């Protein structure tokens, strides 16, 4: 059961990385990308995910 959960997490992370890569490749001005903002947004999304999964586990 834990192996299946781990593979789902890996698949999700690979999907997010793939989306970031596509956005980077199609960007017209790669020098103006604010990586701090991108990383902060990713971390906020990750924390929201953890919080929502924690709340779903309490019901």
Protein backbone atom coordinates (compact mmCIF):
# COMPACT_ATOMS: atom_id res chain seq x y z
CA UNK A 1 0.00 0.00 0.00
CA UNK A 2 2.80 2.44 0.85
CA UNK A 3 4.54 1.76 -2.47
CA UNK A 4 1.40 2.79 -4.35
CA UNK A 5 1.18 6.02 -2.35
CA UNK A 6 4.85 6.77 -3.01
CA UNK A 7 4.40 6.26 -6.75
CA UNK A 8 1.43 8.65 -6.75
CA UNK A 9 3.54 11.31 -5.05
CA UNK A 10 6.38 10.81 -7.54
CA UNK A 11 3.93 10.98 -10.46
CA UNK A 12 2.49 14.24 -9.12
CA UNK A 13 5.93 15.79 -8.65
CA UNK A 14 6.98 14.75 -12.14
CA UNK A 15 3.80 16.33 -13.52
CA UNK A 16 4.52 19.62 -11.78
CA UNK A 17 8.14 19.60 -12.99
CA UNK A 18 6.91 18.86 -16.51
CA UNK A 19 4.51 21.83 -16.39
CA UNK A 20 7.29 24.10 -15.12
CA UNK A 21 9.53 22.88 -17.96
CA UNK A 22 6.87 23.56 -20.60
CA UNK A 23 6.24 27.04 -19.18
CA UNK A 24 9.99 27.74 -19.21
CA UNK A 25 10.45 26.50 -22.78
CA UNK A 26 7.56 28.58 -24.12
CA UNK A 27 8.61 31.71 -22.23
CA UNK A 28 9.49 34.66 -24.45
CA UNK A 29 11.81 36.28 -21.92
CA UNK A 30 13.55 33.64 -19.80
CA UNK A 31 15.82 36.19 -18.10
CA UNK A 32 12.85 37.90 -16.43
CA UNK A 33 11.58 34.77 -14.67
CA UNK A 34 11.56 35.35 -10.93
CA UNK A 35 12.60 31.99 -9.57
CA UNK A 36 11.97 33.05 -5.98
CA UNK A 37 8.30 33.68 -6.87
CA UNK A 38 8.04 30.34 -8.67
CA UNK A 39 9.54 28.46 -5.71
CA UNK A 40 7.36 30.33 -3.21
CA UNK A 41 4.25 29.51 -5.25
CA UNK A 42 5.24 25.84 -5.41
CA UNK A 43 5.84 25.73 -1.65
CA UNK A 44 2.49 27.39 -0.93
CA UNK A 45 0.75 24.90 -3.19
CA UNK A 46 2.53 22.04 -1.43
CA UNK A 47 1.59 23.35 2.03
CA UNK A 48 -2.03 23.81 0.97
CA UNK A 49 -2.03 20.22 -0.29
CA UNK A 50 -0.65 18.91 3.01
CA UNK A 51 -3.16 20.95 4.99
CA UNK A 52 -6.11 19.79 2.89
CA UNK A 53 -5.02 16.15 3.09
CA UNK A 54 -4.59 16.46 6.86
CA UNK A 55 -8.09 17.93 7.20
CA UNK A 56 -9.55 15.21 4.98
CA UNK A 57 -7.96 12.57 7.22
CA UNK A 58 -9.79 13.90 10.29
CA UNK A 59 -13.28 13.27 8.93
